[in-house]
C-alpha atoms as a PDB file:
ATOM      1  CA  MET A   1    -104.597 -42.754  34.009  1.00  0.00           C
ATOM      2  CA  GLY A   2    -107.246 -42.964  31.490  1.00  0.00           C
ATOM      3  CA  VAL A   3    -107.723 -39.264  30.965  1.00  0.00           C
ATOM      4  CA  ASP A   4    -107.815 -37.838  27.580  1.00  0.00           C
ATOM      5  CA  LEU A   5    -105.946 -34.700  28.034  1.00  0.00           C
ATOM      6  CA  ALA A   6    -104.858 -32.058  25.723  1.00  0.00           C
ATOM      7  CA  SER A   7    -101.776 -29.549  26.288  1.00  0.00           C
ATOM      8  CA  ILE A   8    -101.283 -26.181  24.375  1.00  0.00           C
ATOM      9  CA  ALA A   9     -97.623 -26.083  23.674  1.00  0.00           C
ATOM     10  CA  ALA A  10     -95.415 -23.305  21.686  1.00  0.00           C
ATOM     11  CA  THR A  11     -93.403 -24.757  19.018  1.00  0.00           C
ATOM     12  CA  VAL A  12     -89.743 -25.239  19.535  1.00  0.00           C
ATOM     13  CA  LYS A  13     -87.434 -24.122  16.504  1.00  0.00           C
ATOM     14  CA  ASN A  14     -85.187 -27.005  16.743  1.00  0.00           C
ATOM     15  CA  HIS A  15     -87.536 -29.662  15.550  1.00  0.00           C
ATOM     16  CA  SER A  16     -85.345 -32.523  16.650  1.00  0.00           C
ATOM     17  CA  ILE A  17     -85.843 -31.304  20.432  1.00  0.00           C
ATOM     18  CA  GLU A  18     -89.583 -30.517  19.593  1.00  0.00           C
ATOM     19  CA  ARG A  19     -89.724 -34.168  18.632  1.00  0.00           C
ATOM     20  CA  ILE A  20     -88.480 -35.616  21.859  1.00  0.00           C
ATOM     21  CA  ILE A  21     -90.736 -33.212  24.017  1.00  0.00           C
ATOM     22  CA  ILE A  22     -93.878 -34.004  22.015  1.00  0.00           C
ATOM     23  CA  LYS A  23     -92.939 -37.663  22.544  1.00  0.00           C
ATOM     24  CA  GLN A  24     -92.315 -37.131  26.432  1.00  0.00           C
ATOM     25  CA  HIS A  25     -95.751 -35.435  26.697  1.00  0.00           C
ATOM     26  CA  GLU A  26     -97.510 -38.141  24.401  1.00  0.00           C
ATOM     27  CA  GLN A  27     -96.057 -40.788  26.777  1.00  0.00           C
ATOM     28  CA  THR A  28     -97.954 -39.493  29.784  1.00  0.00           C
ATOM     29  CA  GLY A  29    -101.241 -39.840  27.545  1.00  0.00           C
ATOM     30  CA  GLN A  30    -101.450 -36.143  26.527  1.00  0.00           C
ATOM     31  CA  THR A  31    -102.412 -34.738  23.193  1.00  0.00           C
ATOM     32  CA  ILE A  32    -100.247 -31.751  22.245  1.00  0.00           C
ATOM     33  CA  ILE A  33    -102.080 -28.767  20.426  1.00  0.00           C
ATOM     34  CA  PRO A  34     -99.795 -26.177  18.776  1.00  0.00           C
ATOM     35  CA  ARG A  35    -100.257 -22.602  19.906  1.00  0.00           C
ATOM     36  CA  LYS A  36    -100.963 -21.285  16.855  1.00  0.00           C
ATOM     37  CA  GLY A  37    -104.754 -21.953  16.150  1.00  0.00           C
ATOM     38  CA  ALA A  38    -105.177 -23.644  19.564  1.00  0.00           C
ATOM     39  CA  LEU A  39    -108.677 -21.916  20.157  1.00  0.00           C
ATOM     40  CA  LYS A  40    -110.546 -23.807  17.349  1.00  0.00           C
ATOM     41  CA  THR A  41    -109.067 -27.154  18.145  1.00  0.00           C
ATOM     42  CA  LEU A  42    -110.178 -26.289  21.978  1.00  0.00           C
ATOM     43  CA  ILE A  43    -113.492 -25.138  21.055  1.00  0.00           C
ATOM     44  CA  SER A  44    -114.033 -28.768  19.095  1.00  0.00           C
ATOM     45  CA  ARG A  45    -112.454 -30.765  22.200  1.00  0.00           C
ATOM     46  CA  PHE A  46    -114.704 -29.088  24.807  1.00  0.00           C
ATOM     47  CA  ARG A  47    -117.926 -29.416  22.526  1.00  0.00           C
ATOM     48  CA  LYS A  48    -117.050 -33.462  22.707  1.00  0.00           C
ATOM     49  CA  ASN A  49    -116.531 -33.051  26.756  1.00  0.00           C
ATOM     50  CA  GLY A  50    -112.691 -33.228  26.335  1.00  0.00           C
ATOM     51  CA  LYS A  51    -110.368 -31.524  28.776  1.00  0.00           C
ATOM     52  CA  ALA A  52    -107.282 -29.483  28.343  1.00  0.00           C
ATOM     53  CA  ALA A  53    -104.693 -28.019  30.426  1.00  0.00           C
ATOM     54  CA  PHE A  54    -103.514 -24.448  30.612  1.00  0.00           C
ATOM     55  CA  VAL A  55     -99.801 -24.296  31.946  1.00  0.00           C
ATOM     56  CA  LEU A  56     -98.817 -20.954  31.714  1.00  0.00           C
ATOM     57  CA  ASP A  57     -95.024 -21.386  32.111  1.00  0.00           C
ATOM     58  CA  GLN A  58     -94.095 -19.279  29.151  1.00  0.00           C
ATOM     59  CA  ASN A  59     -94.239 -15.525  28.443  1.00  0.00           C
ATOM     60  CA  THR A  60     -96.745 -14.299  25.945  1.00  0.00           C
ATOM     61  CA  PRO A  61     -95.999 -11.337  23.548  1.00  0.00           C
ATOM     62  CA  ALA A  62     -96.694  -7.960  25.195  1.00  0.00           C
ATOM     63  CA  ARG A  63    -100.132  -6.581  24.445  1.00  0.00           C
ATOM     64  CA  LYS A  64    -102.843  -4.975  25.997  1.00  0.00           C
ATOM     65  CA  GLU A  65    -104.839  -8.008  27.006  1.00  0.00           C
ATOM     66  CA  GLU A  66    -102.111  -9.675  28.969  1.00  0.00           C
ATOM     67  CA  ILE A  67    -102.561 -10.323  32.603  1.00  0.00           C
ATOM     68  CA  VAL A  68     -99.037  -9.534  34.588  1.00  0.00           C
ATOM     69  CA  VAL A  69     -98.974 -12.140  37.585  1.00  0.00           C
ATOM     70  CA  ASP A  70     -96.200 -12.525  40.434  1.00  0.00           C
ATOM     71  CA  LEU A  71     -94.101 -15.289  39.694  1.00  0.00           C
ATOM     72  CA  LEU A  72     -91.261 -15.974  41.973  1.00  0.00           C
ATOM     73  CA  GLY A  73     -91.307 -12.366  42.797  1.00  0.00           C
ATOM     74  CA  LEU A  74     -91.015 -11.483  39.093  1.00  0.00           C
ATOM     75  CA  PRO A  75     -93.924 -10.072  37.051  1.00  0.00           C
ATOM     76  CA  MET A  76     -94.859 -12.403  34.307  1.00  0.00           C
ATOM     77  CA  PRO A  77     -97.345 -11.582  31.215  1.00  0.00           C
ATOM     78  CA  VAL A  78     -99.328 -14.240  30.816  1.00  0.00           C
ATOM     79  CA  SER A  79    -102.449 -14.750  28.577  1.00  0.00           C
ATOM     80  CA  PRO A  80    -105.960 -14.469  29.798  1.00  0.00           C
ATOM     81  CA  ALA A  81    -107.486 -16.954  27.433  1.00  0.00           C
ATOM     82  CA  PRO A  82    -107.935 -19.794  30.259  1.00  0.00           C
ATOM     83  CA  ALA A  83    -109.831 -17.259  32.509  1.00  0.00           C
ATOM     84  CA  ALA A  84    -111.833 -16.157  29.568  1.00  0.00           C
ATOM     85  CA  MET A  85    -113.014 -19.699  28.261  1.00  0.00           C
ATOM     86  CA  ALA A  86    -113.575 -20.622  31.640  1.00  0.00           C
ATOM     87  CA  TYR A  87    -116.093 -17.623  32.247  1.00  0.00           C
ATOM     88  CA  GLN A  88    -118.059 -18.752  29.145  1.00  0.00           C
END
């Protein structure tokens, strides 16, 4: 649809499966940003008026910064990064 959109994604241990997943995302026009080190890439994109999606569909490692949300009746720890970046 002509929108330059980036999505942050965790890497998949099976490289063959990861290539398939990335290819499917790229066919929808998304640029995939690896989760590790994503903040630096995101800041660069935002400074150029780029867009990014935060689909919080994966559990985050337990740490004090996590936010616990209700996901289908189950507690799910997620990253506060999208909210923190939007606040800035």
